[in-house]
Amino acid sequence: RYLFQKFVAIDANFRLRNKHVSSQAKNPTLGDGFAYFVPYNDYIEWVKRFVDQAEVKGLL
């Protein structure tokens, strides 16, 4: 048997890893506004308009 063994793993739990990102300044978007993505700041402003609305349960 082996005395030493190398174990390499990749964390694929992206949602949990994204919780560790503290700000857009520390972890900026690579392609802000490229292709079909909208710029980050424009998206955040758009989302803030709908934060207080009740969820529509019939859409699910």
Protein backbone atom coordinates (compact mmCIF):
# COMPACT_ATOMS: atom_id res chain seq x y z
CA ARG A 1 0.00 0.00 0.00
CA TYR A 2 0.88 3.67 -0.31
CA LEU A 3 2.26 5.62 2.60
CA PHE A 4 1.39 8.94 1.01
CA GLN A 5 -1.42 9.76 -1.37
CA LYS A 6 -2.21 12.99 -3.16
CA PHE A 7 -5.89 13.96 -3.23
CA VAL A 8 -6.98 16.82 -5.48
CA ALA A 9 -10.55 18.15 -5.41
CA ILE A 10 -12.41 21.07 -6.94
CA ASP A 11 -15.19 22.86 -5.08
CA ALA A 12 -18.17 22.76 -7.43
CA ASN A 13 -20.64 24.29 -4.97
CA PHE A 14 -20.75 27.62 -6.79
CA ARG A 15 -23.69 29.06 -4.88
CA LEU A 16 -21.97 28.55 -1.55
CA ARG A 17 -18.68 29.92 -2.90
CA ASN A 18 -20.48 33.04 -4.20
CA LYS A 19 -21.65 33.84 -0.65
CA HIS A 20 -18.00 34.47 0.26
CA VAL A 21 -17.73 37.28 -2.30
CA SER A 22 -18.03 40.39 -0.19
CA SER A 23 -18.34 43.04 -2.91
CA GLN A 24 -18.17 43.79 -6.61
CA ALA A 25 -14.95 45.75 -5.96
CA LYS A 26 -13.13 42.73 -4.49
CA ASN A 27 -14.40 40.27 -7.10
CA PRO A 28 -15.28 42.20 -10.28
CA THR A 29 -17.15 40.74 -13.22
CA LEU A 30 -14.87 39.60 -16.05
CA GLY A 31 -17.10 40.69 -18.92
CA ASP A 32 -19.40 43.40 -17.63
CA GLY A 33 -21.83 44.16 -20.46
CA PHE A 34 -20.26 41.78 -23.00
CA ALA A 35 -22.43 39.88 -25.51
CA TYR A 36 -25.93 39.40 -24.07
CA PHE A 37 -25.06 40.30 -20.46
CA VAL A 38 -26.17 43.65 -19.11
CA PRO A 39 -23.78 45.83 -17.11
CA TYR A 40 -23.77 44.87 -13.41
CA ASN A 41 -24.76 48.29 -12.03
CA ASP A 42 -27.70 48.61 -14.44
CA TYR A 43 -28.92 45.15 -13.43
CA ILE A 44 -28.70 45.92 -9.69
CA GLU A 45 -30.67 49.15 -10.15
CA TRP A 46 -33.36 47.26 -12.10
CA VAL A 47 -33.62 44.57 -9.39
CA LYS A 48 -33.95 47.18 -6.62
CA ARG A 49 -37.18 48.42 -8.22
CA PHE A 50 -38.88 45.07 -7.58
CA VAL A 51 -37.54 44.08 -4.16
CA ASP A 52 -40.69 45.11 -2.28
CA GLN A 53 -43.18 43.38 -4.58
CA ALA A 54 -44.97 40.25 -3.39
CA GLU A 55 -44.10 37.08 -5.25
CA VAL A 56 -46.64 35.86 -7.76
CA LYS A 57 -47.32 32.23 -6.81
CA GLY A 58 -49.32 31.41 -9.96
CA LEU A 59 -46.26 31.66 -12.18
CA LEU A 60 -44.64 28.50 -10.83
